């Protein structure tokens, strides 16, 4: 990745990634642990808790992305705000949804899938970096952020579809959402 981006662009990416990574930890607002607490004790609660988990991740992630995008001009001087937006969506929304989906497999004691979800996204990123290095020879931090967001989206979709296939579709419960929020 450093060879693909070069010194200056890699430095920009490192700064943006550190900022986004710091904020992304708050995207799910702890809802993954709430899911684990209740669903691991009673599997029949999966649908409503998973639906609320997904809603929390989407709302929390998009809120953090909008805040990061708004303050990026002041916080990260000289950085294209689109880089922050793309990396933010990838990390605060898609990556957090993947992490939250891994909690489903954790609750049902299928740890192999939990590990595979994380490994898949990281492997896709590594393959992407190699392909881009061979094809483009050089990329900007914004280009990498866009490609990385797409890889995070692919990983997110794979994890969600796998969870839906094994455990069923989620359902929303707004009274439960308010109670657990």
Protein backbone atom coordinates (compact mmCIF):
# COMPACT_ATOMS: atom_id res chain seq x y z
CA UNK A 1 0.00 0.00 0.00
CA UNK A 2 2.85 2.39 0.82
CA UNK A 3 4.48 1.63 -2.53
CA UNK A 4 1.17 2.14 -4.36
CA UNK A 5 0.43 5.50 -2.72
CA UNK A 6 3.88 6.96 -2.32
CA UNK A 7 5.18 8.89 0.67
CA UNK A 8 2.90 11.95 0.58
CA UNK A 9 -0.36 10.12 -0.20
CA UNK A 10 0.41 7.37 2.30
CA UNK A 11 0.89 10.01 4.98
CA UNK A 12 -2.47 11.55 4.10
CA UNK A 13 -4.11 8.13 4.23
CA UNK A 14 -2.49 7.34 7.58
CA UNK A 15 -3.80 10.58 9.10
CA UNK A 16 -7.31 10.11 7.76
CA UNK A 17 -7.37 6.41 8.67
CA UNK A 18 -6.25 7.15 12.24
CA UNK A 19 -8.92 9.81 12.66
CA UNK A 20 -11.67 7.67 11.15
CA UNK A 21 -10.56 4.58 13.07
CA UNK A 22 -10.68 6.45 16.35
CA UNK A 23 -14.24 7.62 15.68
CA UNK A 24 -15.50 4.37 14.12
CA UNK A 25 -15.27 2.54 17.44
CA UNK A 26 -18.34 4.46 18.59
CA UNK A 27 -20.46 3.69 15.51
CA UNK A 28 -22.38 0.76 16.95
CA UNK A 29 -22.84 2.43 20.35
CA UNK A 30 -22.19 -0.91 22.05
CA UNK A 31 -25.23 -2.54 20.46
CA UNK A 32 -23.19 -5.59 19.49
CA UNK A 33 -22.58 -6.35 23.14
CA UNK A 34 -26.26 -5.81 23.96
CA UNK A 35 -27.06 -8.28 21.17
CA UNK A 36 -24.61 -10.82 22.61
CA UNK A 37 -25.97 -10.42 26.12
CA UNK A 38 -29.58 -11.15 25.23
CA UNK A 39 -29.38 -13.42 22.19
CA UNK A 40 -26.72 -15.79 23.52
CA UNK A 41 -29.09 -16.49 26.43
CA UNK A 42 -32.22 -16.81 24.25
CA UNK A 43 -31.77 -17.51 20.54
CA UNK A 44 -35.41 -16.68 19.81
CA UNK A 45 -34.57 -12.98 20.32
CA UNK A 46 -32.24 -12.98 17.29
CA UNK A 47 -34.55 -11.30 14.76
CA UNK A 48 -35.48 -8.21 16.77
CA UNK A 49 -32.09 -7.70 18.37
CA UNK A 50 -30.28 -8.12 15.06
CA UNK A 51 -32.65 -5.70 13.33
CA UNK A 52 -32.06 -3.15 16.06
CA UNK A 53 -28.33 -3.80 15.93
CA UNK A 54 -28.28 -3.06 12.19
CA UNK A 55 -30.36 0.09 12.67
CA UNK A 56 -28.06 1.34 15.44
CA UNK A 57 -24.96 0.69 13.33
CA UNK A 58 -26.44 2.52 10.34
CA UNK A 59 -27.63 5.54 12.33
CA UNK A 60 -24.53 5.74 14.53
CA UNK A 61 -22.15 5.18 11.63
CA UNK A 62 -23.76 7.75 9.34
CA UNK A 63 -23.87 10.31 12.17
CA UNK A 64 -20.15 9.86 12.82
CA UNK A 65 -19.38 10.04 9.09
CA UNK A 66 -21.30 13.31 8.77
CA UNK A 67 -19.53 14.79 11.79
CA UNK A 68 -16.12 13.70 10.49
CA UNK A 69 -16.88 15.07 7.05
CA UNK A 70 -18.04 18.38 8.55
CA UNK A 71 -14.98 18.89 10.72
CA UNK A 72 -12.43 17.41 8.31
CA UNK A 73 -11.65 20.78 6.71
CA UNK A 74 -10.59 22.11 10.11
CA UNK A 75 -9.19 18.93 11.62
CA UNK A 76 -7.23 17.59 8.65
CA UNK A 77 -5.80 20.59 6.83
CA UNK A 78 -4.90 19.93 3.21
CA UNK A 79 -6.86 16.69 2.99
CA UNK A 80 -9.63 16.26 0.45
CA UNK A 81 -12.86 15.85 2.48
CA UNK A 82 -14.02 13.20 0.00
CA UNK A 83 -11.22 10.97 1.30
CA UNK A 84 -12.64 11.32 4.80
CA UNK A 85 -16.17 10.65 3.54
CA UNK A 86 -15.23 7.51 1.60
CA UNK A 87 -13.01 6.06 4.31
CA UNK A 88 -15.60 7.01 6.93
CA UNK A 89 -18.41 5.19 5.15
CA UNK A 90 -16.19 2.16 4.68
CA UNK A 91 -15.04 2.01 8.29
CA UNK A 92 -17.86 3.57 10.33
CA UNK A 93 -20.72 1.94 8.45
CA UNK A 94 -19.69 -1.09 6.39
CA UNK A 95 -16.86 -2.39 8.58
CA UNK A 96 -18.93 -1.88 11.74
CA UNK A 97 -21.86 -3.73 10.16
CA UNK A 98 -19.48 -6.59 9.36
CA UNK A 99 -18.16 -6.57 12.92
CA UNK A 100 -21.70 -6.50 14.29
CA UNK A 101 -22.69 -9.38 12.04
CA UNK A 102 -19.78 -11.35 13.41
CA UNK A 103 -21.43 -10.95 16.83
CA UNK A 104 -24.34 -12.99 15.47
CA UNK A 105 -22.06 -15.95 14.83
CA UNK A 106 -20.43 -15.38 18.19
CA UNK A 107 -23.82 -15.51 19.94
CA UNK A 108 -24.63 -18.78 18.21
CA UNK A 109 -21.15 -20.12 19.08
CA UNK A 110 -19.94 -20.39 15.50
CA UNK A 111 -16.57 -18.75 16.00
CA UNK A 112 -15.15 -20.01 12.71
CA UNK A 113 -17.47 -17.66 10.83
CA UNK A 114 -16.56 -14.79 13.15
CA UNK A 115 -12.90 -15.17 12.20
CA UNK A 116 -13.65 -15.73 8.51
CA UNK A 117 -15.63 -12.49 8.19
CA UNK A 118 -12.71 -10.37 9.37
CA UNK A 119 -10.19 -12.37 7.37
CA UNK A 120 -12.22 -12.07 4.16
CA UNK A 121 -12.37 -8.27 4.19
CA UNK A 122 -8.68 -7.90 5.05
CA UNK A 123 -7.69 -10.40 2.37
CA UNK A 124 -9.79 -8.57 -0.22
CA UNK A 125 -8.02 -5.31 0.70
CA UNK A 126 -4.61 -6.92 0.30
CA UNK A 127 -5.54 -8.41 -3.09
CA UNK A 128 -6.91 -5.04 -4.17
CA UNK A 129 -3.69 -3.27 -3.20
CA UNK A 130 -1.64 -5.79 -5.20
CA UNK A 131 -3.89 -5.48 -8.25
CA UNK A 132 -3.80 -1.69 -8.11
CA UNK A 133 -0.02 -1.68 -7.76
CA UNK A 134 0.34 -3.93 -10.80
CA UNK A 135 -2.23 -2.07 -12.91
CA UNK A 136 -2.04 1.59 -11.84
CA UNK A 137 1.47 1.74 -10.31
CA UNK A 138 0.35 4.81 -8.33
CA UNK A 139 -2.87 5.91 -6.66
CA UNK A 140 -4.02 8.77 -4.48
CA UNK A 141 -5.34 8.47 -0.94
CA UNK A 142 -8.80 9.39 -2.24
CA UNK A 143 -8.69 6.62 -4.85
CA UNK A 144 -7.63 4.08 -2.25
CA UNK A 145 -10.38 5.29 0.11
CA UNK A 146 -12.95 4.71 -2.63
CA UNK A 147 -11.66 1.23 -3.46
CA UNK A 148 -11.38 0.40 0.23
CA UNK A 149 -14.98 1.49 0.78
CA UNK A 150 -16.11 -0.84 -2.02
CA UNK A 151 -14.18 -3.73 -0.47
CA UNK A 152 -15.79 -2.96 2.90
CA UNK A 153 -19.19 -2.94 1.20
CA UNK A 154 -18.47 -6.33 -0.39
CA UNK A 155 -17.38 -7.76 2.97
CA UNK A 156 -20.45 -6.29 4.64
CA UNK A 157 -22.81 -7.78 2.05
CA UNK A 158 -21.15 -11.19 2.30
CA UNK A 159 -21.43 -11.19 6.09
CA UNK A 160 -25.05 -10.04 6.09
CA UNK A 161 -26.11 -12.56 3.45
CA UNK A 162 -24.35 -15.33 5.36
CA UNK A 163 -26.11 -14.38 8.60
CA UNK A 164 -29.48 -14.14 6.84
CA UNK A 165 -28.94 -17.55 5.25
CA UNK A 166 -28.07 -19.27 8.53
CA UNK A 167 -30.33 -17.47 10.99
CA UNK A 168 -33.04 -15.65 9.03
CA UNK A 169 -33.93 -12.06 8.28
CA UNK A 170 -33.85 -9.40 11.00
CA UNK A 171 -36.91 -7.52 12.24
CA UNK A 172 -37.20 -4.09 13.82
CA UNK A 173 -38.80 -3.38 17.16
CA UNK A 174 -38.89 0.33 17.90
CA UNK A 175 -40.11 -0.12 21.50
CA UNK A 176 -37.17 -2.46 22.13
CA UNK A 177 -34.84 -0.04 20.31
CA UNK A 178 -35.90 2.79 22.63
CA UNK A 179 -35.67 0.59 25.73
CA UNK A 180 -32.15 -0.65 24.97
CA UNK A 181 -30.82 2.63 23.58
